[in-house]
Amino acid sequence: MKRQLQIKNAIAQSEWQGSGGFPVPPDASWTFIDVTNRDAKVGDTYDAATDTFSAAPVTPKTRVSKSQVVSVLTPTEWAEMGKYQPTADPPYDDADVYWAVTQFQLADYVDLADSRYQQIIGGLVAKGLLSQARAAQMYTDLMALANG
């Protein structure tokens, strides 16, 4: 039985197995490579110059849910953030922190690679609400949750 990977943009997109001739490419942007006697799989990258396959680089996920963010906060940190709610009594007037809390409330998810996340965390560190070490630990914990 013959085995073939269908390559587009240097990535093995799909696999064909069967007897007889290979299928016809749908258009000129596809390359079909016979891999009957090779250890190559869908998702691998293909280097046409050397006719070799290699594992595709792993791209870490960076999105987490709001509940995952809350899960890495300590009760004290969560309570401190709660002081910046619009209904807080007494109301706090730190516009930067209020903006950060509002961004969190309005978000569907948190993307750790988004510059707004980095800006918000940097602002909380600058205001002394988080230490740099604690912000780094939270990031590590959230990346583990995103990729776990």
Protein backbone atom coordinates (compact mmCIF):
# COMPACT_ATOMS: atom_id res chain seq x y z
CA MET A 1 0.00 0.00 0.00
CA LYS A 2 1.27 3.43 -0.93
CA ARG A 3 1.33 6.35 1.46
CA GLN A 4 1.51 10.01 0.53
CA LEU A 5 1.53 13.32 2.38
CA GLN A 6 -0.10 16.32 0.79
CA ILE A 7 2.07 19.40 1.32
CA LYS A 8 0.94 23.03 1.22
CA ASN A 9 3.05 25.97 2.43
CA ALA A 10 5.77 23.49 3.55
CA ILE A 11 3.41 21.75 6.02
CA ALA A 12 2.07 18.20 5.63
CA GLN A 13 -1.67 18.96 5.62
CA SER A 14 -3.20 15.52 5.02
CA GLU A 15 -2.36 11.92 4.28
CA TRP A 16 -3.49 9.56 1.52
CA GLN A 17 -3.10 5.77 1.64
CA GLY A 18 -4.11 3.29 -1.00
CA SER A 19 -3.13 1.16 -3.93
CA GLY A 20 -2.90 2.33 -7.49
CA GLY A 21 -1.81 5.77 -8.60
CA PHE A 22 -1.63 8.84 -6.39
CA PRO A 23 -4.52 11.33 -6.53
CA VAL A 24 -4.26 14.46 -8.62
CA PRO A 25 -3.40 17.68 -6.69
CA PRO A 26 -6.36 20.07 -6.46
CA ASP A 27 -4.21 22.97 -7.70
CA ALA A 28 -0.59 23.97 -8.23
CA SER A 29 -0.17 25.12 -4.62
CA TRP A 30 -0.14 21.50 -3.39
CA THR A 31 2.78 19.07 -3.57
CA PHE A 32 2.23 15.35 -3.06
CA ILE A 33 5.19 13.42 -1.64
CA ASP A 34 5.49 9.63 -1.53
CA VAL A 35 6.31 8.73 2.08
CA THR A 36 5.59 5.00 1.86
CA ASN A 37 8.98 4.12 3.37
CA ARG A 38 9.48 7.26 5.47
CA ASP A 39 8.64 8.24 9.00
CA ALA A 40 6.69 11.43 8.25
CA LYS A 41 3.27 12.51 9.47
CA VAL A 42 0.60 15.17 9.10
CA GLY A 43 1.75 18.38 10.77
CA ASP A 44 5.43 17.89 9.95
CA THR A 45 7.27 20.57 7.99
CA TYR A 46 8.74 19.67 4.62
CA ASP A 47 12.00 21.07 3.24
CA ALA A 48 11.89 20.64 -0.53
CA ALA A 49 15.57 21.58 -0.92
CA THR A 50 16.70 18.59 1.16
CA ASP A 51 13.58 16.40 0.68
CA THR A 52 13.29 15.97 4.44
CA PHE A 53 10.54 16.19 7.03
CA SER A 54 10.86 17.50 10.57
CA ALA A 55 8.48 17.92 13.47
CA ALA A 56 6.60 21.19 13.35
CA PRO A 57 7.54 23.64 16.10
CA VAL A 58 5.18 23.59 19.04
CA THR A 59 3.32 26.86 19.47
CA PRO A 60 2.19 27.27 23.06
CA LYS A 61 -1.39 28.29 23.73
CA THR A 62 -1.76 31.65 25.44
CA ARG A 63 -5.51 32.00 26.05
CA VAL A 64 -6.99 31.33 29.47
CA SER A 65 -10.47 31.77 30.87
CA LYS A 66 -11.29 34.40 33.44
CA SER A 67 -11.93 31.65 36.00
CA GLN A 68 -8.40 30.33 35.36
CA VAL A 69 -7.01 33.81 36.08
CA VAL A 70 -9.00 33.99 39.31
CA SER A 71 -7.77 30.50 40.27
CA VAL A 72 -4.14 31.68 40.42
CA LEU A 73 -4.91 34.75 42.54
CA THR A 74 -4.68 34.55 46.30
CA PRO A 75 -7.80 35.55 48.26
CA THR A 76 -5.99 38.73 49.33
CA GLU A 77 -5.13 39.63 45.72
CA TRP A 78 -8.71 38.99 44.61
CA ALA A 79 -10.06 41.13 47.47
CA GLU A 80 -7.65 43.93 46.57
CA MET A 81 -8.86 43.88 42.95
CA GLY A 82 -12.43 43.94 44.25
CA LYS A 83 -11.81 47.35 45.77
CA TYR A 84 -11.71 48.75 42.25
CA GLN A 85 -15.23 47.64 41.28
CA PRO A 86 -17.69 50.39 40.34
CA THR A 87 -19.80 49.43 43.36
CA ALA A 88 -16.90 49.48 45.83
CA ASP A 89 -17.52 51.30 49.09
CA PRO A 90 -15.71 53.60 49.45
CA PRO A 91 -15.10 54.07 45.70
CA TYR A 92 -11.45 54.02 44.68
CA ASP A 93 -10.26 56.63 42.25
CA ASP A 94 -7.23 54.99 40.66
CA ALA A 95 -8.23 55.17 36.99
CA ASP A 96 -5.46 52.79 35.82
CA VAL A 97 -6.46 49.97 38.15
CA TYR A 98 -10.15 50.62 37.55
CA TRP A 99 -9.46 50.38 33.79
CA ALA A 100 -7.59 47.08 34.27
CA VAL A 101 -10.40 45.56 36.35
CA THR A 102 -12.98 46.75 33.80
CA GLN A 103 -10.97 45.19 30.95
CA PHE A 104 -10.98 41.90 32.85
CA GLN A 105 -14.72 42.08 33.49
CA LEU A 106 -15.51 42.77 29.82
CA ALA A 107 -13.19 40.14 28.36
CA ASP A 108 -14.40 36.80 27.06
CA TYR A 109 -10.93 35.36 27.76
CA VAL A 110 -7.44 36.57 28.65
CA ASP A 111 -4.66 36.23 26.09
CA LEU A 112 -1.31 36.19 27.87
CA ALA A 113 0.48 37.20 24.66
CA ASP A 114 -1.68 40.30 24.21
CA SER A 115 0.13 43.57 24.92
CA ARG A 116 -2.88 44.72 26.97
CA TYR A 117 -2.33 41.84 29.43
CA GLN A 118 1.32 42.82 29.77
CA GLN A 119 0.36 46.49 30.18
CA ILE A 120 -2.19 45.68 32.86
CA ILE A 121 0.13 43.41 34.84
CA GLY A 122 2.95 45.95 34.49
CA GLY A 123 0.62 48.63 35.87
CA LEU A 124 -0.37 46.47 38.84
CA VAL A 125 3.33 45.87 39.58
CA ALA A 126 4.11 49.61 39.27
CA LYS A 127 1.29 50.42 41.72
CA GLY A 128 2.60 47.85 44.21
CA LEU A 129 -0.48 45.61 43.95
CA LEU A 130 1.71 42.76 42.68
CA SER A 131 5.44 42.17 42.97
CA GLN A 132 7.43 41.43 39.82
CA ALA A 133 8.14 37.94 41.17
CA ARG A 134 4.44 37.32 41.85
CA ALA A 135 3.49 38.55 38.37
CA ALA A 136 6.06 36.16 36.85
CA GLN A 137 4.71 33.26 38.95
CA MET A 138 1.15 34.04 37.88
CA TYR A 139 2.24 34.07 34.23
CA THR A 140 3.97 30.68 34.65
CA ASP A 141 0.90 29.22 36.36
CA LEU A 142 -1.46 30.60 33.70
CA MET A 143 0.69 29.27 30.84
CA ALA A 144 0.61 25.85 32.50
CA LEU A 145 -3.19 26.05 32.67
CA ALA A 146 -3.43 27.16 29.03
CA ASN A 147 -1.29 24.26 27.86
CA GLY A 148 -2.25 21.59 30.37
